[in-house]
Amino acid sequence: MGFPTKVQLIQRQASEQYYINFPSAVAQAMEFSKGETVEWIVHDKRHLILVRKDVPPSPMEPKKNARA
């Protein structure tokens, strides 16, 4: 399920800035924290990839192979 989000533009005399806000449900599911730095990578004109340098640990343990 996706979360439609509008791109916002703030135009000033000498510059312009584009903003995309994360819906609260997405930010909470990703466990983002205030002031966290992320990096956007342009994959192509349809896809942006968001990269986190510091990822919180997963709350779930990885599944172990039952046939070990």
N, C-alpha and C. Protein backbone atom coordinates (compact mmCIF):
# COMPACT_ATOMS: atom_id res chain seq x y z
N MET A 1 0.85 -1.18 0.00
CA MET A 1 0.00 0.00 0.00
C MET A 1 0.89 1.24 0.00
N GLY A 2 0.60 2.16 -0.88
CA GLY A 2 1.39 3.38 -0.97
C GLY A 2 0.78 4.52 -0.18
N PHE A 3 1.53 5.58 -0.04
CA PHE A 3 1.09 6.79 0.65
C PHE A 3 1.29 7.97 -0.30
N PRO A 4 0.24 8.37 -1.03
CA PRO A 4 0.38 9.52 -1.94
C PRO A 4 0.80 10.77 -1.16
N THR A 5 1.78 11.48 -1.70
CA THR A 5 2.31 12.67 -1.05
C THR A 5 2.59 13.72 -2.12
N LYS A 6 2.20 14.95 -1.85
CA LYS A 6 2.43 16.03 -2.82
C LYS A 6 3.81 16.66 -2.59
N VAL A 7 4.42 17.06 -3.69
CA VAL A 7 5.68 17.79 -3.62
C VAL A 7 5.33 19.25 -3.40
N GLN A 8 6.00 19.87 -2.43
CA GLN A 8 5.75 21.28 -2.13
C GLN A 8 6.93 22.12 -2.64
N LEU A 9 6.63 23.31 -3.11
CA LEU A 9 7.66 24.22 -3.59
C LEU A 9 7.55 25.53 -2.84
N ILE A 10 8.66 25.97 -2.30
CA ILE A 10 8.73 27.29 -1.66
C ILE A 10 9.67 28.14 -2.50
N GLN A 11 9.11 29.20 -3.09
CA GLN A 11 9.90 30.09 -3.94
C GLN A 11 10.25 31.35 -3.17
N ARG A 12 11.52 31.68 -3.20
CA ARG A 12 12.01 32.92 -2.59
C ARG A 12 12.63 33.76 -3.70
N GLN A 13 13.02 34.96 -3.37
CA GLN A 13 13.58 35.83 -4.39
C GLN A 13 14.82 35.25 -5.06
N ALA A 14 15.70 34.67 -4.26
CA ALA A 14 16.97 34.19 -4.82
C ALA A 14 17.06 32.67 -4.95
N SER A 15 16.05 31.95 -4.49
CA SER A 15 16.15 30.49 -4.54
C SER A 15 14.78 29.84 -4.47
N GLU A 16 14.78 28.55 -4.65
CA GLU A 16 13.56 27.77 -4.48
C GLU A 16 13.93 26.45 -3.80
N GLN A 17 13.01 25.94 -3.00
CA GLN A 17 13.24 24.68 -2.30
C GLN A 17 12.03 23.78 -2.47
N TYR A 18 12.31 22.52 -2.72
CA TYR A 18 11.26 21.51 -2.84
C TYR A 18 11.24 20.68 -1.56
N TYR A 19 10.04 20.33 -1.12
CA TYR A 19 9.87 19.54 0.09
C TYR A 19 8.97 18.35 -0.18
N ILE A 20 9.33 17.22 0.39
CA ILE A 20 8.47 16.05 0.39
C ILE A 20 8.40 15.57 1.83
N ASN A 21 7.21 15.54 2.37
CA ASN A 21 7.04 15.13 3.76
C ASN A 21 6.66 13.66 3.83
N PHE A 22 7.23 12.97 4.80
CA PHE A 22 6.87 11.58 5.03
C PHE A 22 5.60 11.53 5.86
N PRO A 23 4.66 10.70 5.46
CA PRO A 23 3.49 10.49 6.33
C PRO A 23 3.97 9.91 7.66
N SER A 24 3.30 10.25 8.71
CA SER A 24 3.68 9.80 10.05
C SER A 24 3.80 8.29 10.14
N ALA A 25 2.88 7.56 9.50
CA ALA A 25 2.93 6.09 9.56
C ALA A 25 4.22 5.54 8.96
N VAL A 26 4.68 6.15 7.87
CA VAL A 26 5.92 5.71 7.23
C VAL A 26 7.12 6.03 8.12
N ALA A 27 7.16 7.24 8.64
CA ALA A 27 8.28 7.64 9.50
C ALA A 27 8.36 6.77 10.75
N GLN A 28 7.22 6.46 11.34
CA GLN A 28 7.22 5.61 12.53
C GLN A 28 7.63 4.19 12.20
N ALA A 29 7.15 3.65 11.08
CA ALA A 29 7.51 2.29 10.69
C ALA A 29 9.02 2.18 10.41
N MET A 30 9.60 3.26 9.88
CA MET A 30 11.04 3.26 9.59
C MET A 30 11.87 3.64 10.81
N GLU A 31 11.20 4.04 11.90
CA GLU A 31 11.86 4.47 13.14
C GLU A 31 12.83 5.63 12.89
N PHE A 32 12.38 6.61 12.09
CA PHE A 32 13.18 7.81 11.89
C PHE A 32 13.26 8.58 13.19
N SER A 33 14.34 9.32 13.38
CA SER A 33 14.46 10.17 14.55
C SER A 33 14.65 11.62 14.10
N LYS A 34 14.27 12.52 14.96
CA LYS A 34 14.37 13.95 14.67
C LYS A 34 15.82 14.32 14.34
N GLY A 35 16.02 15.02 13.25
CA GLY A 35 17.34 15.48 12.86
C GLY A 35 18.19 14.43 12.16
N GLU A 36 17.64 13.25 11.92
CA GLU A 36 18.40 12.19 11.25
C GLU A 36 18.76 12.62 9.83
N THR A 37 19.96 12.30 9.41
CA THR A 37 20.42 12.63 8.07
C THR A 37 20.26 11.40 7.17
N VAL A 38 19.66 11.61 6.02
CA VAL A 38 19.50 10.56 5.02
C VAL A 38 20.02 11.08 3.69
N GLU A 39 20.25 10.18 2.75
CA GLU A 39 20.78 10.56 1.44
C GLU A 39 19.84 10.07 0.35
N TRP A 40 19.51 10.95 -0.59
CA TRP A 40 18.67 10.57 -1.73
C TRP A 40 19.57 10.22 -2.90
N ILE A 41 19.24 9.11 -3.57
CA ILE A 41 19.94 8.73 -4.80
C ILE A 41 18.89 8.67 -5.90
N VAL A 42 19.16 9.34 -7.02
CA VAL A 42 18.25 9.31 -8.16
C VAL A 42 18.57 8.06 -8.97
N HIS A 43 17.67 7.09 -8.93
CA HIS A 43 17.85 5.84 -9.68
C HIS A 43 17.48 6.08 -11.15
N ASP A 44 16.33 6.66 -11.36
CA ASP A 44 15.88 7.08 -12.68
C ASP A 44 14.77 8.10 -12.44
N LYS A 45 14.09 8.55 -13.48
CA LYS A 45 13.09 9.60 -13.31
C LYS A 45 11.82 9.11 -12.63
N ARG A 46 11.73 7.82 -12.33
CA ARG A 46 10.58 7.27 -11.64
C ARG A 46 10.90 6.89 -10.19
N HIS A 47 12.17 6.64 -9.89
CA HIS A 47 12.54 6.10 -8.59
C HIS A 47 13.62 6.92 -7.89
N LEU A 48 13.34 7.25 -6.64
CA LEU A 48 14.34 7.82 -5.74
C LEU A 48 14.64 6.75 -4.70
N ILE A 49 15.89 6.63 -4.32
CA ILE A 49 16.27 5.68 -3.29
C ILE A 49 16.74 6.47 -2.09
N LEU A 50 16.17 6.17 -0.93
CA LEU A 50 16.56 6.83 0.31
C LEU A 50 17.52 5.91 1.03
N VAL A 51 18.69 6.42 1.36
CA VAL A 51 19.72 5.62 2.02
C VAL A 51 19.96 6.18 3.41
N ARG A 52 19.96 5.27 4.40
CA ARG A 52 20.27 5.64 5.78
C ARG A 52 21.66 5.11 6.12
N LYS A 53 22.48 5.96 6.70
CA LYS A 53 23.81 5.53 7.10
C LYS A 53 23.76 4.79 8.44
N ASP A 54 22.93 5.29 9.36
CA ASP A 54 22.80 4.69 10.69
C ASP A 54 21.41 4.10 10.82
N VAL A 55 21.31 2.78 10.79
CA VAL A 55 20.03 2.09 10.84
C VAL A 55 19.84 1.48 12.23
N PRO A 56 18.68 1.72 12.86
CA PRO A 56 18.46 1.09 14.16
C PRO A 56 18.36 -0.43 14.01
N PRO A 57 18.71 -1.18 15.06
CA PRO A 57 18.63 -2.64 14.97
C PRO A 57 17.18 -3.09 14.78
N SER A 58 17.04 -4.23 14.11
CA SER A 58 15.71 -4.79 13.88
C SER A 58 15.13 -5.31 15.19
N PRO A 59 13.83 -5.07 15.44
CA PRO A 59 13.22 -5.58 16.67
C PRO A 59 12.95 -7.08 16.60
N MET A 60 13.09 -7.66 15.41
CA MET A 60 12.83 -9.10 15.26
C MET A 60 14.14 -9.83 15.00
N GLU A 61 14.26 -11.01 15.59
CA GLU A 61 15.44 -11.83 15.35
C GLU A 61 15.31 -12.51 14.00
N PRO A 62 16.41 -12.66 13.29
CA PRO A 62 16.32 -13.37 12.00
C PRO A 62 15.91 -14.83 12.21
N LYS A 63 15.18 -15.37 11.23
CA LYS A 63 14.76 -16.76 11.32
C LYS A 63 15.95 -17.68 11.16
N LYS A 64 15.98 -18.73 11.96
CA LYS A 64 17.05 -19.71 11.86
C LYS A 64 16.57 -20.88 11.03
N ASN A 65 17.48 -21.45 10.25
CA ASN A 65 17.15 -22.57 9.39
C ASN A 65 16.81 -23.79 10.24
N ALA A 66 15.62 -24.36 10.07
CA ALA A 66 15.16 -25.50 10.87
C ALA A 66 15.90 -26.77 10.50
N ARG A 67 16.53 -26.84 9.34
CA ARG A 67 17.23 -28.03 8.88
C ARG A 67 18.73 -27.99 9.15
N ALA A 68 19.15 -27.26 10.06
CA ALA A 68 20.60 -27.10 10.31
C ALA A 68 21.28 -28.34 10.74
